[in-house]
Structure formats: C-alpha cells, structure tokens
C-alpha cells in the first residue's frame, strides 16, 4: 500500500530516530553487572570522594571504590590506607576527608568526640599468627613470639592491631620479644612476605589477602580476640552525598559479600 505523501516525512523521521537509538545502544559501554551495582544515589555523583581507612581494609575498599566509580563516571574515589591512629590524628587535625573507617571503636570514639557524627560498625576481624610460606622458623604456637632466636614482627602498641595483639598476649601470659614494631598491619604482612620476619601477628583477613605467600595459625582459645570496624561519614564532608552512597555500598549486599570473601565477619 502506498502511503499518502503527507505522512511520509513522519515515517522517515521515526525510522531515522529508531536507527539512531539502536546505533547508540550498540556502542554504549558495558554496564556494571546488576549484582555489583551500588545503591542508587539521588542523582549523578561527581567530584573527588576521599576515604581514609585502616590498612587491613585495603583490598575490600579498593574494590568497592572501583564499583562506585564505574556507576558514576564523574566521580573519583581517592582512598588512603594507614594505621587507624594515624588516620584519626589526621582527621582531628582537619585533614580534608569524607569517610573514615577505623579498626578500633576506641580510636573512632576519639574522633567523634571532636567532629561529632555517628559511626556504624561495618565489619569485625580477629588476629592470627602468620609465618612466611613453608614456616622456615618452625613456629608452632603463640609462645614463639617470645623466642629471641626468631625474628618477630608486631604492630606498634598505639595502633589497633598492636593493642589487640598485646591483649591476646596478656591473656596467654606471654611477654613478646619483637624485633620490629610497625605502624600498620600491612607493614607486618610485608615483613613476612619478604621473609624479613619469622612470625608476626596480623588479622585473619591479611592472611587471606596474602594467599600462598604466608601461612596462618590460629591463636589458642584463651587468647582469641576480635575488633570491630566503625565507619563514619564526617559531618563536614565536602562530598556528603557521595560519602553516604559509599557507606551504603559498604553496608549493602555487595559490600557484605566483598567483606566476607576477604575473611571479615559482618554484623
């Protein structure tokens, strides 16, 4: 059937628009899989979100930062990982940041006394003995951290992993003989992976992160200790909406799954 001439331009225009949409769909970048998408924010997020977090969260938060950036191409998530005490001092001193996650409720409490805000626990962790692959020092128990013949790496007492380690050792009645005291748990892990130490106390999640480079040994039941990880959107966060979206991602299904796969316990 021949179309009336008055209707032909509209039909041609419809066909062009339809082809254009098909062409755009074919060339669009692949979307983030539905199961990895962060919760939808109220609008498009942009700018630079600054997240300060305990070193033991390095792998988890790097993954989640990448996911949030993929969902919001105009957003850059800048992460900084260190010992919780160091990060807390930076925030209290006024360092620009949007989100803080520490490995100790006590450390976070010192921050919120100054900044205000309500922190929420997003994960829990526990300590393990760690040795280089193959256990060249023949470490068998927590008591070996008191052996002066071994090279022992521990966290400094002012950081959460050090305070938690001191608590575990006190419960077991052991006085350690450390050769090095590190400012965060990943520094202890590095000593072990480079065979610069025979034994160290790290979080279970660090043993998981190191893969085949280290072996983990459970602490005796009387020395088992755990710590909680509170997260805070700072009250004066320059990018409050993006900070809220990041925390929602961390607490949501994808964040919980990523934390669990890394060896954390989730509330």
C-alpha atoms as a PDB file:
ATOM      1  CA  UNK A   1       0.000   0.000   0.000  1.00  0.00           C
ATOM      2  CA  UNK A   2       1.299   3.499  -0.896  1.00  0.00           C
ATOM      3  CA  UNK A   3       1.358   5.957   1.999  1.00  0.00           C
ATOM      4  CA  UNK A   4      -0.146   9.408   1.483  1.00  0.00           C
ATOM      5  CA  UNK A   5       2.627  11.882   0.785  1.00  0.00           C
ATOM      6  CA  UNK A   6       1.750  13.971   3.888  1.00  0.00           C
ATOM      7  CA  UNK A   7       2.645  11.045   6.174  1.00  0.00           C
ATOM      8  CA  UNK A   8       5.940  10.052   4.546  1.00  0.00           C
ATOM      9  CA  UNK A   9       8.222  12.596   6.359  1.00  0.00           C
ATOM     10  CA  UNK A  10       6.965  11.486   9.790  1.00  0.00           C
ATOM     11  CA  UNK A  11       7.578   7.824   8.950  1.00  0.00           C
ATOM     12  CA  UNK A  12      11.046   8.564   7.625  1.00  0.00           C
ATOM     13  CA  UNK A  13      11.849  10.613  10.743  1.00  0.00           C
ATOM     14  CA  UNK A  14      10.654   7.779  13.007  1.00  0.00           C
ATOM     15  CA  UNK A  15      12.866   5.309  11.155  1.00  0.00           C
ATOM     16  CA  UNK A  16      15.919   7.572  11.486  1.00  0.00           C
ATOM     17  CA  UNK A  17      15.351   8.080  15.224  1.00  0.00           C
ATOM     18  CA  UNK A  18      14.860   4.351  15.723  1.00  0.00           C
ATOM     19  CA  UNK A  19      18.081   3.514  13.866  1.00  0.00           C
ATOM     20  CA  UNK A  20      19.936   6.176  15.841  1.00  0.00           C
ATOM     21  CA  UNK A  21      18.805   4.688  19.136  1.00  0.00           C
ATOM     22  CA  UNK A  22      19.829   1.215  18.031  1.00  0.00           C
ATOM     23  CA  UNK A  23      23.236   2.553  16.999  1.00  0.00           C
ATOM     24  CA  UNK A  24      23.725   4.246  20.390  1.00  0.00           C
ATOM     25  CA  UNK A  25      22.748   1.100  22.264  1.00  0.00           C
ATOM     26  CA  UNK A  26      25.210  -0.956  20.268  1.00  0.00           C
ATOM     27  CA  UNK A  27      28.108   1.372  21.025  1.00  0.00           C
ATOM     28  CA  UNK A  28      27.369   2.004  24.732  1.00  0.00           C
ATOM     29  CA  UNK A  29      29.942   0.679  27.231  1.00  0.00           C
ATOM     30  CA  UNK A  30      29.109  -2.470  29.169  1.00  0.00           C
ATOM     31  CA  UNK A  31      27.211  -1.735  32.365  1.00  0.00           C
ATOM     32  CA  UNK A  32      28.297  -2.872  35.805  1.00  0.00           C
ATOM     33  CA  UNK A  33      26.588  -6.245  36.494  1.00  0.00           C
ATOM     34  CA  UNK A  34      23.396  -5.808  38.470  1.00  0.00           C
ATOM     35  CA  UNK A  35      24.718  -7.749  41.454  1.00  0.00           C
ATOM     36  CA  UNK A  36      27.700  -5.378  41.759  1.00  0.00           C
ATOM     37  CA  UNK A  37      25.849  -2.105  41.331  1.00  0.00           C
ATOM     38  CA  UNK A  38      25.947   0.294  44.301  1.00  0.00           C
ATOM     39  CA  UNK A  39      22.633   1.539  45.704  1.00  0.00           C
ATOM     40  CA  UNK A  40      21.256   4.320  43.526  1.00  0.00           C
ATOM     41  CA  UNK A  41      22.020   7.811  44.792  1.00  0.00           C
ATOM     42  CA  UNK A  42      19.580  10.665  44.429  1.00  0.00           C
ATOM     43  CA  UNK A  43      21.452  11.855  41.330  1.00  0.00           C
ATOM     44  CA  UNK A  44      24.701  11.618  39.448  1.00  0.00           C
ATOM     45  CA  UNK A  45      27.700  11.785  41.756  1.00  0.00           C
ATOM     46  CA  UNK A  46      30.807  13.715  40.782  1.00  0.00           C
ATOM     47  CA  UNK A  47      33.891  15.281  42.270  1.00  0.00           C
ATOM     48  CA  UNK A  48      36.572  13.555  44.363  1.00  0.00           C
ATOM     49  CA  UNK A  49      35.465  11.485  47.339  1.00  0.00           C
ATOM     50  CA  UNK A  50      38.207  10.991  49.965  1.00  0.00           C
ATOM     51  CA  UNK A  51      38.064   7.779  52.004  1.00  0.00           C
ATOM     52  CA  UNK A  52      40.525   7.182  54.858  1.00  0.00           C
ATOM     53  CA  UNK A  53      40.584   3.608  56.136  1.00  0.00           C
ATOM     54  CA  UNK A  54      42.510   1.101  58.216  1.00  0.00           C
ATOM     55  CA  UNK A  55      45.224  -0.703  56.242  1.00  0.00           C
ATOM     56  CA  UNK A  56      43.524  -4.079  56.681  1.00  0.00           C
ATOM     57  CA  UNK A  57      40.643  -2.814  54.512  1.00  0.00           C
ATOM     58  CA  UNK A  58      42.869  -2.036  51.527  1.00  0.00           C
ATOM     59  CA  UNK A  59      41.622  -4.777  49.205  1.00  0.00           C
ATOM     60  CA  UNK A  60      37.933  -4.527  50.093  1.00  0.00           C
ATOM     61  CA  UNK A  61      37.602  -0.753  49.837  1.00  0.00           C
ATOM     62  CA  UNK A  62      39.680  -0.556  46.668  1.00  0.00           C
ATOM     63  CA  UNK A  63      37.231  -2.974  45.022  1.00  0.00           C
ATOM     64  CA  UNK A  64      34.183  -1.058  46.236  1.00  0.00           C
ATOM     65  CA  UNK A  65      35.690   2.280  45.196  1.00  0.00           C
ATOM     66  CA  UNK A  66      36.136   0.916  41.672  1.00  0.00           C
ATOM     67  CA  UNK A  67      32.499  -0.222  41.640  1.00  0.00           C
ATOM     68  CA  UNK A  68      31.204   3.192  42.722  1.00  0.00           C
ATOM     69  CA  UNK A  69      33.342   4.945  40.115  1.00  0.00           C
ATOM     70  CA  UNK A  70      32.026   2.591  37.419  1.00  0.00           C
ATOM     71  CA  UNK A  71      28.453   3.501  38.352  1.00  0.00           C
ATOM     72  CA  UNK A  72      29.248   7.238  38.432  1.00  0.00           C
ATOM     73  CA  UNK A  73      31.851   8.107  35.748  1.00  0.00           C
ATOM     74  CA  UNK A  74      32.116  11.691  37.000  1.00  0.00           C
ATOM     75  CA  UNK A  75      33.169  10.533  40.472  1.00  0.00           C
ATOM     76  CA  UNK A  76      36.732   9.814  41.595  1.00  0.00           C
ATOM     77  CA  UNK A  77      37.188   7.882  44.847  1.00  0.00           C
ATOM     78  CA  UNK A  78      40.567   8.586  46.415  1.00  0.00           C
ATOM     79  CA  UNK A  79      41.443   6.042  49.113  1.00  0.00           C
ATOM     80  CA  UNK A  80      44.208   6.330  51.693  1.00  0.00           C
ATOM     81  CA  UNK A  81      45.143   3.405  53.940  1.00  0.00           C
ATOM     82  CA  UNK A  82      47.242   3.524  57.099  1.00  0.00           C
ATOM     83  CA  UNK A  83      47.127   2.694  60.781  1.00  0.00           C
ATOM     84  CA  UNK A  84      43.874   3.832  62.378  1.00  0.00           C
ATOM     85  CA  UNK A  85      45.641   6.037  64.920  1.00  0.00           C
ATOM     86  CA  UNK A  86      47.471   7.903  62.149  1.00  0.00           C
ATOM     87  CA  UNK A  87      44.256   8.492  60.210  1.00  0.00           C
ATOM     88  CA  UNK A  88      42.414   9.608  63.339  1.00  0.00           C
ATOM     89  CA  UNK A  89      45.079  12.217  64.067  1.00  0.00           C
ATOM     90  CA  UNK A  90      44.830  13.492  60.511  1.00  0.00           C
ATOM     91  CA  UNK A  91      41.057  13.898  60.715  1.00  0.00           C
ATOM     92  CA  UNK A  92      41.151  15.581  64.120  1.00  0.00           C
ATOM     93  CA  UNK A  93      43.806  17.952  62.784  1.00  0.00           C
ATOM     94  CA  UNK A  94      41.439  18.985  59.998  1.00  0.00           C
ATOM     95  CA  UNK A  95      42.681  16.947  57.041  1.00  0.00           C
ATOM     96  CA  UNK A  96      40.035  17.037  54.273  1.00  0.00           C
ATOM     97  CA  UNK A  97      38.143  13.748  54.150  1.00  0.00           C
ATOM     98  CA  UNK A  98      34.625  12.445  53.585  1.00  0.00           C
ATOM     99  CA  UNK A  99      34.657   8.945  55.107  1.00  0.00           C
ATOM    100  CA  UNK A 100      36.733   7.419  57.899  1.00  0.00           C
ATOM    101  CA  UNK A 101      36.845   3.692  58.719  1.00  0.00           C
ATOM    102  CA  UNK A 102      38.984   2.534  61.643  1.00  0.00           C
ATOM    103  CA  UNK A 103      39.884  -0.889  63.003  1.00  0.00           C
ATOM    104  CA  UNK A 104      39.009   0.129  66.544  1.00  0.00           C
ATOM    105  CA  UNK A 105      35.883   1.591  68.177  1.00  0.00           C
ATOM    106  CA  UNK A 106      38.104   3.325  70.739  1.00  0.00           C
ATOM    107  CA  UNK A 107      40.047   5.102  68.015  1.00  0.00           C
ATOM    108  CA  UNK A 108      36.827   6.184  66.319  1.00  0.00           C
ATOM    109  CA  UNK A 109      35.415   7.440  69.635  1.00  0.00           C
ATOM    110  CA  UNK A 110      38.377   9.808  69.928  1.00  0.00           C
ATOM    111  CA  UNK A 111      37.464  11.229  66.514  1.00  0.00           C
ATOM    112  CA  UNK A 112      33.726  11.637  67.058  1.00  0.00           C
ATOM    113  CA  UNK A 113      34.358  13.436  70.356  1.00  0.00           C
ATOM    114  CA  UNK A 114      35.914  16.171  68.237  1.00  0.00           C
ATOM    115  CA  UNK A 115      33.995  16.009  64.962  1.00  0.00           C
ATOM    116  CA  UNK A 116      30.609  14.720  66.066  1.00  0.00           C
ATOM    117  CA  UNK A 117      28.675  12.294  63.903  1.00  0.00           C
ATOM    118  CA  UNK A 118      27.504   8.729  64.406  1.00  0.00           C
ATOM    119  CA  UNK A 119      29.746   5.851  63.378  1.00  0.00           C
ATOM    120  CA  UNK A 120      28.320   2.454  62.457  1.00  0.00           C
ATOM    121  CA  UNK A 121      30.096  -0.911  62.700  1.00  0.00           C
ATOM    122  CA  UNK A 122      30.530  -2.461  59.253  1.00  0.00           C
ATOM    123  CA  UNK A 123      32.783  -5.465  59.987  1.00  0.00           C
ATOM    124  CA  UNK A 124      34.687  -7.478  62.566  1.00  0.00           C
ATOM    125  CA  UNK A 125      38.088  -9.142  62.448  1.00  0.00           C
ATOM    126  CA  UNK A 126      40.355 -11.336  64.569  1.00  0.00           C
ATOM    127  CA  UNK A 127      44.067 -11.964  64.935  1.00  0.00           C
ATOM    128  CA  UNK A 128      46.135 -14.888  63.683  1.00  0.00           C
ATOM    129  CA  UNK A 129      49.760 -15.850  63.863  1.00  0.00           C
ATOM    130  CA  UNK A 130      51.304 -15.567  60.418  1.00  0.00           C
ATOM    131  CA  UNK A 131      54.540 -17.064  59.095  1.00  0.00           C
ATOM    132  CA  UNK A 132      56.229 -16.997  55.682  1.00  0.00           C
ATOM    133  CA  UNK A 133      55.184 -19.801  53.346  1.00  0.00           C
ATOM    134  CA  UNK A 134      56.697 -23.070  54.455  1.00  0.00           C
ATOM    135  CA  UNK A 135      57.199 -21.801  58.019  1.00  0.00           C
ATOM    136  CA  UNK A 136      61.028 -21.570  57.881  1.00  0.00           C
ATOM    137  CA  UNK A 137      61.191 -20.581  61.560  1.00  0.00           C
ATOM    138  CA  UNK A 138      59.258 -23.713  62.603  1.00  0.00           C
ATOM    139  CA  UNK A 139      56.730 -21.664  64.550  1.00  0.00           C
ATOM    140  CA  UNK A 140      54.137 -23.802  66.329  1.00  0.00           C
ATOM    141  CA  UNK A 141      52.380 -21.569  68.864  1.00  0.00           C
ATOM    142  CA  UNK A 142      51.797 -18.063  70.145  1.00  0.00           C
ATOM    143  CA  UNK A 143      54.610 -18.618  72.676  1.00  0.00           C
ATOM    144  CA  UNK A 144      57.101 -18.412  69.797  1.00  0.00           C
ATOM    145  CA  UNK A 145      56.717 -14.618  69.638  1.00  0.00           C
ATOM    146  CA  UNK A 146      58.760 -14.608  72.877  1.00  0.00           C
ATOM    147  CA  UNK A 147      61.624 -16.592  71.320  1.00  0.00           C
ATOM    148  CA  UNK A 148      64.668 -14.293  70.918  1.00  0.00           C
ATOM    149  CA  UNK A 149      66.080 -16.673  68.315  1.00  0.00           C
ATOM    150  CA  UNK A 150      63.223 -15.785  65.945  1.00  0.00           C
ATOM    151  CA  UNK A 151      62.641 -12.517  64.090  1.00  0.00           C
ATOM    152  CA  UNK A 152      59.299 -11.264  65.369  1.00  0.00           C
ATOM    153  CA  UNK A 153      57.198  -8.526  63.715  1.00  0.00           C
ATOM    154  CA  UNK A 154      54.330  -6.934  65.623  1.00  0.00           C
ATOM    155  CA  UNK A 155      52.197  -3.826  65.244  1.00  0.00           C
ATOM    156  CA  UNK A 156      53.115  -0.843  67.403  1.00  0.00           C
ATOM    157  CA  UNK A 157      51.001  -0.679  70.575  1.00  0.00           C
ATOM    158  CA  UNK A 158      49.315   2.603  69.586  1.00  0.00           C
ATOM    159  CA  UNK A 159      47.615   1.108  66.521  1.00  0.00           C
ATOM    160  CA  UNK A 160      44.624  -1.260  66.795  1.00  0.00           C
ATOM    161  CA  UNK A 161      46.434  -4.421  65.664  1.00  0.00           C
ATOM    162  CA  UNK A 162      49.149  -3.721  68.246  1.00  0.00           C
ATOM    163  CA  UNK A 163      46.691  -3.069  71.058  1.00  0.00           C
ATOM    164  CA  UNK A 164      44.750  -6.200  70.135  1.00  0.00           C
ATOM    165  CA  UNK A 165      47.961  -8.233  69.976  1.00  0.00           C
ATOM    166  CA  UNK A 166      49.005  -7.008  73.424  1.00  0.00           C
ATOM    167  CA  UNK A 167      45.609  -8.064  74.743  1.00  0.00           C
ATOM    168  CA  UNK A 168      45.962 -11.560  73.245  1.00  0.00           C
ATOM    169  CA  UNK A 169      49.482 -12.000  74.599  1.00  0.00           C
ATOM    170  CA  UNK A 170      48.468 -10.797  78.068  1.00  0.00           C
ATOM    171  CA  UNK A 171      45.623 -13.310  78.146  1.00  0.00           C
ATOM    172  CA  UNK A 172      48.079 -16.079  77.283  1.00  0.00           C
ATOM    173  CA  UNK A 173      50.665 -14.845  79.806  1.00  0.00           C
ATOM    174  CA  UNK A 174      53.307 -14.267  77.120  1.00  0.00           C
ATOM    175  CA  UNK A 175      55.849 -11.432  77.046  1.00  0.00           C
ATOM    176  CA  UNK A 176      56.844 -10.930  73.400  1.00  0.00           C
ATOM    177  CA  UNK A 177      60.318 -10.307  72.041  1.00  0.00           C
ATOM    178  CA  UNK A 178      59.639  -8.129  68.973  1.00  0.00           C
ATOM    179  CA  UNK A 179      62.383  -7.169  66.553  1.00  0.00           C
ATOM    180  CA  UNK A 180      60.214  -4.587  64.795  1.00  0.00           C
ATOM    181  CA  UNK A 181      57.068  -2.642  65.682  1.00  0.00           C
ATOM    182  CA  UNK A 182      55.178  -1.489  62.597  1.00  0.00           C
ATOM    183  CA  UNK A 183      52.721   1.378  62.198  1.00  0.00           C
ATOM    184  CA  UNK A 184      50.060  -0.722  60.446  1.00  0.00           C
ATOM    185  CA  UNK A 185      49.226  -4.365  59.948  1.00  0.00           C
ATOM    186  CA  UNK A 186      50.108  -4.428  56.244  1.00  0.00           C
ATOM    187  CA  UNK A 187      53.664  -3.453  57.132  1.00  0.00           C
ATOM    188  CA  UNK A 188      53.874  -6.557  59.355  1.00  0.00           C
ATOM    189  CA  UNK A 189      52.487  -8.635  56.499  1.00  0.00           C
ATOM    190  CA  UNK A 190      55.104  -7.208  54.123  1.00  0.00           C
ATOM    191  CA  UNK A 191      57.876  -8.259  56.524  1.00  0.00           C
ATOM    192  CA  UNK A 192      56.550 -11.811  56.375  1.00  0.00           C
ATOM    193  CA  UNK A 193      56.036 -11.987  52.621  1.00  0.00           C
ATOM    194  CA  UNK A 194      59.601 -10.718  52.077  1.00  0.00           C
ATOM    195  CA  UNK A 195      60.985 -13.288  54.569  1.00  0.00           C
ATOM    196  CA  UNK A 196      62.214 -10.453  56.781  1.00  0.00           C
ATOM    197  CA  UNK A 197      60.459 -11.971  59.807  1.00  0.00           C
ATOM    198  CA  UNK A 198      59.795 -15.492  61.045  1.00  0.00           C
ATOM    199  CA  UNK A 199      56.467 -14.768  62.706  1.00  0.00           C
ATOM    200  CA  UNK A 200      54.006 -11.928  63.165  1.00  0.00           C
ATOM    201  CA  UNK A 201      50.566 -11.147  64.497  1.00  0.00           C
ATOM    202  CA  UNK A 202      48.172  -9.940  61.799  1.00  0.00           C
ATOM    203  CA  UNK A 203      44.467 -10.045  61.119  1.00  0.00           C
ATOM    204  CA  UNK A 204      42.920 -13.152  59.629  1.00  0.00           C
ATOM    205  CA  UNK A 205      41.974 -11.071  56.590  1.00  0.00           C
ATOM    206  CA  UNK A 206      45.643 -10.254  55.947  1.00  0.00           C
ATOM    207  CA  UNK A 207      46.456 -13.958  55.834  1.00  0.00           C
ATOM    208  CA  UNK A 208      43.658 -14.382  53.280  1.00  0.00           C
ATOM    209  CA  UNK A 209      44.919 -11.410  51.248  1.00  0.00           C
ATOM    210  CA  UNK A 210      48.476 -12.773  51.157  1.00  0.00           C
ATOM    211  CA  UNK A 211      47.346 -16.034  49.574  1.00  0.00           C
ATOM    212  CA  UNK A 212      50.142 -18.596  49.298  1.00  0.00           C
ATOM    213  CA  UNK A 213      52.819 -16.136  50.456  1.00  0.00           C
ATOM    214  CA  UNK A 214      52.084 -16.732  54.161  1.00  0.00           C
ATOM    215  CA  UNK A 215      50.549 -19.403  56.358  1.00  0.00           C
ATOM    216  CA  UNK A 216      48.162 -18.631  59.213  1.00  0.00           C
ATOM    217  CA  UNK A 217      47.999 -20.300  62.612  1.00  0.00           C
ATOM    218  CA  UNK A 218      45.006 -19.905  64.918  1.00  0.00           C
ATOM    219  CA  UNK A 219      45.508 -18.429  68.369  1.00  0.00           C
ATOM    220  CA  UNK A 220      44.692 -20.618  71.376  1.00  0.00           C
ATOM    221  CA  UNK A 221      41.113 -20.242  72.654  1.00  0.00           C
ATOM    222  CA  UNK A 222      42.168 -18.277  75.742  1.00  0.00           C
ATOM    223  CA  UNK A 223      43.942 -15.702  73.558  1.00  0.00           C
ATOM    224  CA  UNK A 224      41.228 -15.192  70.927  1.00  0.00           C
ATOM    225  CA  UNK A 225      40.407 -11.500  70.488  1.00  0.00           C
ATOM    226  CA  UNK A 226      38.353  -9.580  67.946  1.00  0.00           C
ATOM    227  CA  UNK A 227      37.923  -5.980  66.873  1.00  0.00           C
ATOM    228  CA  UNK A 228      35.111  -4.028  65.234  1.00  0.00           C
ATOM    229  CA  UNK A 229      35.398  -1.620  62.297  1.00  0.00           C
ATOM    230  CA  UNK A 230      33.254   1.535  62.675  1.00  0.00           C
ATOM    231  CA  UNK A 231      32.678   3.737  59.631  1.00  0.00           C
ATOM    232  CA  UNK A 232      31.836   7.442  59.764  1.00  0.00           C
ATOM    233  CA  UNK A 233      30.602   9.948  57.207  1.00  0.00           C
ATOM    234  CA  UNK A 234      32.290  13.037  58.575  1.00  0.00           C
ATOM    235  CA  UNK A 235      29.778  15.772  59.482  1.00  0.00           C
ATOM    236  CA  UNK A 236      31.626  18.380  57.402  1.00  0.00           C
ATOM    237  CA  UNK A 237      32.292  16.029  54.469  1.00  0.00           C
ATOM    238  CA  UNK A 238      32.829  18.093  51.288  1.00  0.00           C
ATOM    239  CA  UNK A 239      31.036  15.391  49.271  1.00  0.00           C
ATOM    240  CA  UNK A 240      28.365  14.250  51.697  1.00  0.00           C
ATOM    241  CA  UNK A 241      26.076  12.639  49.112  1.00  0.00           C
ATOM    242  CA  UNK A 242      28.877  10.555  47.606  1.00  0.00           C
ATOM    243  CA  UNK A 243      30.091   9.653  51.111  1.00  0.00           C
ATOM    244  CA  UNK A 244      26.616   8.442  52.036  1.00  0.00           C
ATOM    245  CA  UNK A 245      26.441   6.377  48.837  1.00  0.00           C
ATOM    246  CA  UNK A 246      29.833   4.816  49.593  1.00  0.00           C
ATOM    247  CA  UNK A 247      28.786   3.857  53.109  1.00  0.00           C
ATOM    248  CA  UNK A 248      25.512   2.430  51.770  1.00  0.00           C
ATOM    249  CA  UNK A 249      27.528   0.333  49.309  1.00  0.00           C
ATOM    250  CA  UNK A 250      29.810  -0.914  52.090  1.00  0.00           C
ATOM    251  CA  UNK A 251      26.833  -1.899  54.252  1.00  0.00           C
ATOM    252  CA  UNK A 252      24.757  -3.313  51.406  1.00  0.00           C
ATOM    253  CA  UNK A 253      24.752  -6.794  49.811  1.00  0.00           C
ATOM    254  CA  UNK A 254      27.792  -6.170  47.609  1.00  0.00           C
ATOM    255  CA  UNK A 255      29.831  -4.700  50.448  1.00  0.00           C
ATOM    256  CA  UNK A 256      28.907  -7.512  52.820  1.00  0.00           C
ATOM    257  CA  UNK A 257      29.782 -10.117  50.196  1.00  0.00           C
ATOM    258  CA  UNK A 258      33.135  -8.484  49.469  1.00  0.00           C
ATOM    259  CA  UNK A 259      33.945  -8.248  53.181  1.00  0.00           C
ATOM    260  CA  UNK A 260      33.009 -11.891  53.780  1.00  0.00           C
ATOM    261  CA  UNK A 261      35.103 -13.100  50.844  1.00  0.00           C
ATOM    262  CA  UNK A 262      38.057 -11.226  52.294  1.00  0.00           C
ATOM    263  CA  UNK A 263      37.690 -13.035  55.637  1.00  0.00           C
ATOM    264  CA  UNK A 264      35.851 -10.379  57.643  1.00  0.00           C
ATOM    265  CA  UNK A 265      32.784 -11.081  59.736  1.00  0.00           C
ATOM    266  CA  UNK A 266      29.813  -8.807  59.053  1.00  0.00           C
ATOM    267  CA  UNK A 267      27.206  -7.637  61.577  1.00  0.00           C
END
